[in-house]
Amino acid sequence: MTSKIAAVFDGQVFRPTEPIELPVNTRVQITIETLPPGEQETASFLQTARSLNLEGPSDWSANVDKYLYEQAAFHQALLESGLVRQIKSPSLRKPTERHLVEVQSQPISETILEERR
């Protein structure tokens, strides 16, 4: 079987811009044809999301408040749907204290205007 699909290379893997009907772990051979910059179509968020074929809980929309406001349930739903691989705990370190440094010069807005002239 031969078919032509559009994909985007994200630096590690090729991501199809549309869903593909292939069984998981099917081996394929890829021929790369780079499009000129003028012909490159950027995929919308919706196209990219659809191409990932992610499955969420069947009650996602009906129980959105539960998933959003009950943090544990929300984290579990994210993990089960495959949207994230791990939930990291927030850092318990104290933020470092920062001191402002006073700079003797004209206001930044005037500097920007001068550079644009």
N, C-alpha and C. Protein backbone atom coordinates (compact mmCIF):
# COMPACT_ATOMS: atom_id res chain seq x y z
N MET A 1 0.86 -1.18 0.00
CA MET A 1 0.00 0.00 0.00
C MET A 1 0.90 1.23 0.00
N THR A 2 0.55 2.21 -0.85
CA THR A 2 1.29 3.47 -0.91
C THR A 2 0.32 4.61 -0.73
N SER A 3 0.68 5.55 0.13
CA SER A 3 -0.14 6.75 0.30
C SER A 3 0.79 7.91 0.60
N LYS A 4 0.33 9.11 0.27
CA LYS A 4 1.12 10.31 0.50
C LYS A 4 0.45 11.10 1.60
N ILE A 5 1.23 11.45 2.62
CA ILE A 5 0.68 12.22 3.75
C ILE A 5 1.57 13.43 4.01
N ALA A 6 1.02 14.44 4.65
CA ALA A 6 1.79 15.59 5.08
C ALA A 6 2.14 15.39 6.55
N ALA A 7 3.33 15.80 6.92
CA ALA A 7 3.77 15.66 8.30
C ALA A 7 4.67 16.83 8.65
N VAL A 8 4.85 17.03 9.95
CA VAL A 8 5.73 18.09 10.46
C VAL A 8 6.79 17.41 11.32
N PHE A 9 8.04 17.78 11.08
CA PHE A 9 9.14 17.24 11.88
C PHE A 9 9.36 18.15 13.07
N ASP A 10 9.25 17.62 14.29
CA ASP A 10 9.35 18.46 15.50
C ASP A 10 10.74 18.45 16.12
N GLY A 11 11.71 17.93 15.39
CA GLY A 11 13.08 17.85 15.91
C GLY A 11 13.44 16.44 16.33
N GLN A 12 12.43 15.60 16.56
CA GLN A 12 12.68 14.22 16.95
C GLN A 12 11.87 13.23 16.12
N VAL A 13 10.61 13.54 15.91
CA VAL A 13 9.75 12.61 15.17
C VAL A 13 8.91 13.38 14.15
N PHE A 14 8.41 12.64 13.15
CA PHE A 14 7.49 13.21 12.18
C PHE A 14 6.08 13.05 12.71
N ARG A 15 5.31 14.13 12.72
CA ARG A 15 3.93 14.10 13.20
C ARG A 15 3.00 14.36 12.02
N PRO A 16 2.17 13.37 11.66
CA PRO A 16 1.23 13.58 10.56
C PRO A 16 0.27 14.72 10.89
N THR A 17 -0.13 15.47 9.87
CA THR A 17 -1.05 16.57 10.09
C THR A 17 -2.50 16.11 10.09
N GLU A 18 -2.73 14.84 9.73
CA GLU A 18 -4.08 14.25 9.74
C GLU A 18 -3.99 12.86 10.34
N PRO A 19 -5.10 12.34 10.85
CA PRO A 19 -5.08 10.96 11.38
C PRO A 19 -4.72 9.96 10.27
N ILE A 20 -4.02 8.90 10.65
CA ILE A 20 -3.63 7.85 9.70
C ILE A 20 -4.21 6.53 10.18
N GLU A 21 -4.80 5.80 9.26
CA GLU A 21 -5.40 4.50 9.60
C GLU A 21 -4.35 3.39 9.43
N LEU A 22 -3.54 3.21 10.45
CA LEU A 22 -2.54 2.15 10.46
C LEU A 22 -2.52 1.51 11.84
N PRO A 23 -2.30 0.21 11.91
CA PRO A 23 -2.18 -0.42 13.23
C PRO A 23 -0.93 0.11 13.94
N VAL A 24 -0.97 0.14 15.25
CA VAL A 24 0.16 0.59 16.06
C VAL A 24 1.37 -0.29 15.75
N ASN A 25 2.55 0.33 15.72
CA ASN A 25 3.83 -0.34 15.47
C ASN A 25 3.98 -0.89 14.06
N THR A 26 3.19 -0.40 13.11
CA THR A 26 3.35 -0.79 11.71
C THR A 26 4.62 -0.13 11.19
N ARG A 27 5.48 -0.91 10.55
CA ARG A 27 6.71 -0.36 9.99
C ARG A 27 6.38 0.24 8.63
N VAL A 28 6.92 1.45 8.37
CA VAL A 28 6.71 2.13 7.10
C VAL A 28 8.04 2.63 6.58
N GLN A 29 8.08 2.95 5.29
CA GLN A 29 9.26 3.55 4.69
C GLN A 29 8.89 4.98 4.33
N ILE A 30 9.73 5.93 4.71
CA ILE A 30 9.41 7.34 4.50
C ILE A 30 10.38 7.94 3.48
N THR A 31 9.81 8.63 2.50
CA THR A 31 10.60 9.42 1.55
C THR A 31 10.32 10.88 1.88
N ILE A 32 11.36 11.66 2.10
CA ILE A 32 11.18 13.05 2.54
C ILE A 32 11.29 14.00 1.36
N GLU A 33 10.26 14.82 1.19
CA GLU A 33 10.25 15.87 0.18
C GLU A 33 10.01 17.17 0.95
N THR A 34 11.04 18.00 1.06
CA THR A 34 10.92 19.25 1.80
C THR A 34 10.22 20.28 0.93
N LEU A 35 9.21 20.93 1.48
CA LEU A 35 8.48 21.95 0.74
C LEU A 35 9.21 23.28 0.85
N PRO A 36 9.20 24.07 -0.23
CA PRO A 36 9.79 25.41 -0.15
C PRO A 36 9.03 26.25 0.88
N PRO A 37 9.70 27.24 1.50
CA PRO A 37 9.05 28.03 2.55
C PRO A 37 7.71 28.63 2.15
N GLY A 38 7.55 29.04 0.92
CA GLY A 38 6.29 29.65 0.48
C GLY A 38 5.14 28.65 0.42
N GLU A 39 5.45 27.36 0.29
CA GLU A 39 4.41 26.34 0.17
C GLU A 39 4.13 25.61 1.48
N GLN A 40 4.91 25.91 2.50
CA GLN A 40 4.72 25.22 3.77
C GLN A 40 3.46 25.72 4.45
N GLU A 41 2.61 24.79 4.77
CA GLU A 41 1.36 25.11 5.46
C GLU A 41 1.54 24.82 6.93
N THR A 42 1.22 25.79 7.76
CA THR A 42 1.32 25.55 9.19
C THR A 42 0.05 24.86 9.67
N ALA A 43 0.23 23.84 10.44
CA ALA A 43 -0.92 23.10 10.96
C ALA A 43 -1.57 23.88 12.09
N SER A 44 -2.88 23.91 12.08
CA SER A 44 -3.59 24.58 13.17
C SER A 44 -3.52 23.70 14.42
N PHE A 45 -3.83 24.30 15.55
CA PHE A 45 -3.86 23.53 16.79
C PHE A 45 -4.85 22.37 16.66
N LEU A 46 -6.01 22.65 16.07
CA LEU A 46 -7.04 21.62 15.93
C LEU A 46 -6.55 20.47 15.05
N GLN A 47 -5.87 20.79 13.94
CA GLN A 47 -5.34 19.73 13.07
C GLN A 47 -4.32 18.87 13.83
N THR A 48 -3.45 19.53 14.56
CA THR A 48 -2.44 18.80 15.32
C THR A 48 -3.09 17.93 16.38
N ALA A 49 -4.05 18.48 17.12
CA ALA A 49 -4.73 17.71 18.17
C ALA A 49 -5.44 16.49 17.58
N ARG A 50 -6.10 16.69 16.44
CA ARG A 50 -6.80 15.55 15.80
C ARG A 50 -5.82 14.48 15.34
N SER A 51 -4.65 14.90 14.86
CA SER A 51 -3.68 13.94 14.34
C SER A 51 -3.10 13.06 15.45
N LEU A 52 -3.16 13.52 16.70
CA LEU A 52 -2.61 12.75 17.81
C LEU A 52 -3.50 11.58 18.22
N ASN A 53 -4.77 11.61 17.80
CA ASN A 53 -5.72 10.53 18.12
C ASN A 53 -5.76 10.22 19.61
N LEU A 54 -5.83 11.24 20.43
CA LEU A 54 -5.85 11.03 21.88
C LEU A 54 -7.25 10.65 22.34
N GLU A 55 -7.29 9.79 23.31
CA GLU A 55 -8.55 9.37 23.89
C GLU A 55 -8.62 9.90 25.32
N GLY A 56 -9.69 10.57 25.65
CA GLY A 56 -9.90 11.05 27.00
C GLY A 56 -11.01 10.25 27.66
N PRO A 57 -11.29 10.53 28.90
CA PRO A 57 -12.39 9.84 29.56
C PRO A 57 -13.70 10.12 28.81
N SER A 58 -14.58 9.14 28.75
CA SER A 58 -15.84 9.31 28.02
C SER A 58 -16.73 10.38 28.64
N ASP A 59 -16.52 10.67 29.92
CA ASP A 59 -17.34 11.67 30.60
C ASP A 59 -16.63 13.01 30.73
N TRP A 60 -15.61 13.25 29.92
CA TRP A 60 -14.78 14.45 30.03
C TRP A 60 -15.62 15.72 30.05
N SER A 61 -16.46 15.93 29.05
CA SER A 61 -17.22 17.18 28.97
C SER A 61 -18.31 17.27 30.04
N ALA A 62 -18.90 16.14 30.38
CA ALA A 62 -19.97 16.16 31.39
C ALA A 62 -19.43 16.46 32.79
N ASN A 63 -18.19 16.07 33.05
CA ASN A 63 -17.61 16.25 34.38
C ASN A 63 -16.41 17.18 34.38
N VAL A 64 -16.43 18.19 33.53
CA VAL A 64 -15.28 19.09 33.41
C VAL A 64 -14.93 19.75 34.75
N ASP A 65 -15.94 20.13 35.54
CA ASP A 65 -15.65 20.75 36.84
C ASP A 65 -14.90 19.79 37.76
N LYS A 66 -15.31 18.54 37.75
CA LYS A 66 -14.65 17.53 38.59
C LYS A 66 -13.17 17.42 38.19
N TYR A 67 -12.91 17.36 36.89
CA TYR A 67 -11.53 17.20 36.43
C TYR A 67 -10.70 18.47 36.65
N LEU A 68 -11.32 19.62 36.55
CA LEU A 68 -10.58 20.86 36.72
C LEU A 68 -10.33 21.22 38.18
N TYR A 69 -11.31 20.96 39.03
CA TYR A 69 -11.22 21.44 40.40
C TYR A 69 -10.81 20.39 41.41
N GLU A 70 -10.90 19.15 41.07
CA GLU A 70 -10.41 18.09 41.94
C GLU A 70 -9.07 17.66 41.36
N GLN A 71 -8.02 18.22 41.87
CA GLN A 71 -6.70 18.09 41.28
C GLN A 71 -6.27 16.64 41.07
N ALA A 72 -6.48 15.77 42.03
CA ALA A 72 -6.05 14.38 41.89
C ALA A 72 -6.76 13.70 40.72
N ALA A 73 -8.07 13.92 40.60
CA ALA A 73 -8.83 13.31 39.51
C ALA A 73 -8.38 13.88 38.17
N PHE A 74 -8.09 15.18 38.14
CA PHE A 74 -7.63 15.82 36.92
C PHE A 74 -6.28 15.24 36.50
N HIS A 75 -5.35 15.12 37.45
CA HIS A 75 -4.04 14.56 37.14
C HIS A 75 -4.17 13.13 36.63
N GLN A 76 -5.03 12.34 37.25
CA GLN A 76 -5.22 10.96 36.83
C GLN A 76 -5.78 10.90 35.42
N ALA A 77 -6.73 11.78 35.10
CA ALA A 77 -7.32 11.81 33.76
C ALA A 77 -6.26 12.19 32.72
N LEU A 78 -5.39 13.14 33.04
CA LEU A 78 -4.32 13.53 32.12
C LEU A 78 -3.38 12.35 31.85
N LEU A 79 -3.02 11.64 32.91
CA LEU A 79 -2.12 10.49 32.76
C LEU A 79 -2.77 9.38 31.93
N GLU A 80 -4.02 9.06 32.24
CA GLU A 80 -4.71 7.98 31.54
C GLU A 80 -4.96 8.30 30.07
N SER A 81 -5.17 9.58 29.75
CA SER A 81 -5.44 9.96 28.36
C SER A 81 -4.17 10.02 27.53
N GLY A 82 -3.02 10.02 28.19
CA GLY A 82 -1.75 10.09 27.46
C GLY A 82 -1.31 11.51 27.16
N LEU A 83 -2.02 12.51 27.65
CA LEU A 83 -1.63 13.89 27.40
C LEU A 83 -0.34 14.24 28.13
N VAL A 84 -0.09 13.62 29.27
CA VAL A 84 1.16 13.80 30.01
C VAL A 84 1.66 12.44 30.46
N ARG A 85 2.96 12.33 30.66
CA ARG A 85 3.54 11.06 31.12
C ARG A 85 3.75 11.04 32.63
N GLN A 86 3.91 12.24 33.21
CA GLN A 86 4.15 12.31 34.64
C GLN A 86 3.72 13.68 35.15
N ILE A 87 3.27 13.70 36.40
CA ILE A 87 2.90 14.95 37.06
C ILE A 87 4.02 15.25 38.06
N LYS A 88 4.68 16.38 37.86
CA LYS A 88 5.77 16.75 38.77
C LYS A 88 5.22 17.55 39.93
N SER A 89 5.80 17.34 41.09
CA SER A 89 5.43 18.11 42.28
C SER A 89 6.06 19.49 42.20
N PRO A 90 5.38 20.50 42.72
CA PRO A 90 5.97 21.83 42.70
C PRO A 90 7.21 21.88 43.59
N SER A 91 8.13 22.74 43.23
CA SER A 91 9.37 22.90 44.00
C SER A 91 9.06 23.48 45.38
N LEU A 92 9.68 22.94 46.39
CA LEU A 92 9.48 23.44 47.75
C LEU A 92 10.57 24.43 48.15
N ARG A 93 11.50 24.70 47.23
CA ARG A 93 12.57 25.65 47.54
C ARG A 93 12.01 27.06 47.62
N LYS A 94 12.58 27.84 48.52
CA LYS A 94 12.19 29.23 48.63
C LYS A 94 12.71 29.98 47.41
N PRO A 95 11.90 30.88 46.87
CA PRO A 95 12.42 31.67 45.76
C PRO A 95 13.59 32.53 46.25
N THR A 96 14.59 32.67 45.39
CA THR A 96 15.75 33.46 45.80
C THR A 96 15.36 34.94 45.87
N GLU A 97 15.96 35.61 46.82
CA GLU A 97 15.65 37.02 46.99
C GLU A 97 16.38 37.80 45.91
N ARG A 98 15.68 38.70 45.26
CA ARG A 98 16.27 39.49 44.19
C ARG A 98 16.29 40.95 44.58
N HIS A 99 17.34 41.62 44.22
CA HIS A 99 17.49 43.03 44.51
C HIS A 99 17.46 43.81 43.21
N LEU A 100 16.71 44.88 43.19
CA LEU A 100 16.67 45.73 42.02
C LEU A 100 17.94 46.55 41.93
N VAL A 101 18.42 46.74 40.71
CA VAL A 101 19.60 47.55 40.48
C VAL A 101 19.15 48.81 39.76
N GLU A 102 19.47 49.94 40.31
CA GLU A 102 19.07 51.20 39.70
C GLU A 102 20.05 51.54 38.58
N VAL A 103 19.51 51.86 37.41
CA VAL A 103 20.33 52.18 36.26
C VAL A 103 20.17 53.66 35.95
N GLN A 104 21.28 54.34 35.77
CA GLN A 104 21.27 55.76 35.46
C GLN A 104 21.24 55.94 33.94
N SER A 105 20.06 56.16 33.39
CA SER A 105 19.94 56.42 31.96
C SER A 105 18.55 56.96 31.68
N GLN A 106 18.28 57.18 30.40
CA GLN A 106 16.97 57.68 30.02
C GLN A 106 15.96 56.54 30.07
N PRO A 107 14.66 56.86 30.09
CA PRO A 107 13.64 55.81 30.12
C PRO A 107 13.76 54.90 28.89
N ILE A 108 13.43 53.63 29.08
CA ILE A 108 13.56 52.63 28.02
C ILE A 108 12.72 52.99 26.80
N SER A 109 11.56 53.60 27.00
CA SER A 109 10.71 53.97 25.87
C SER A 109 11.41 54.97 24.96
N GLU A 110 12.19 55.90 25.54
CA GLU A 110 12.93 56.86 24.72
C GLU A 110 14.05 56.17 23.96
N THR A 111 14.69 55.21 24.59
CA THR A 111 15.76 54.46 23.92
C THR A 111 15.19 53.71 22.72
N ILE A 112 14.05 53.08 22.89
CA ILE A 112 13.41 52.33 21.79
C ILE A 112 13.06 53.26 20.64
N LEU A 113 12.48 54.41 20.96
CA LEU A 113 12.12 55.37 19.91
C LEU A 113 13.35 55.86 19.15
N GLU A 114 14.45 56.10 19.85
CA GLU A 114 15.68 56.53 19.20
C GLU A 114 16.22 55.46 18.26
N GLU A 115 16.16 54.21 18.69
CA GLU A 115 16.67 53.11 17.86
C GLU A 115 15.83 52.92 16.61
N ARG A 116 14.56 53.23 16.66
CA ARG A 116 13.66 53.06 15.51
C ARG A 116 13.79 54.18 14.49
N ARG A 117 14.42 55.28 14.86
CA ARG A 117 14.57 56.42 13.94
C ARG A 117 15.68 56.21 12.99
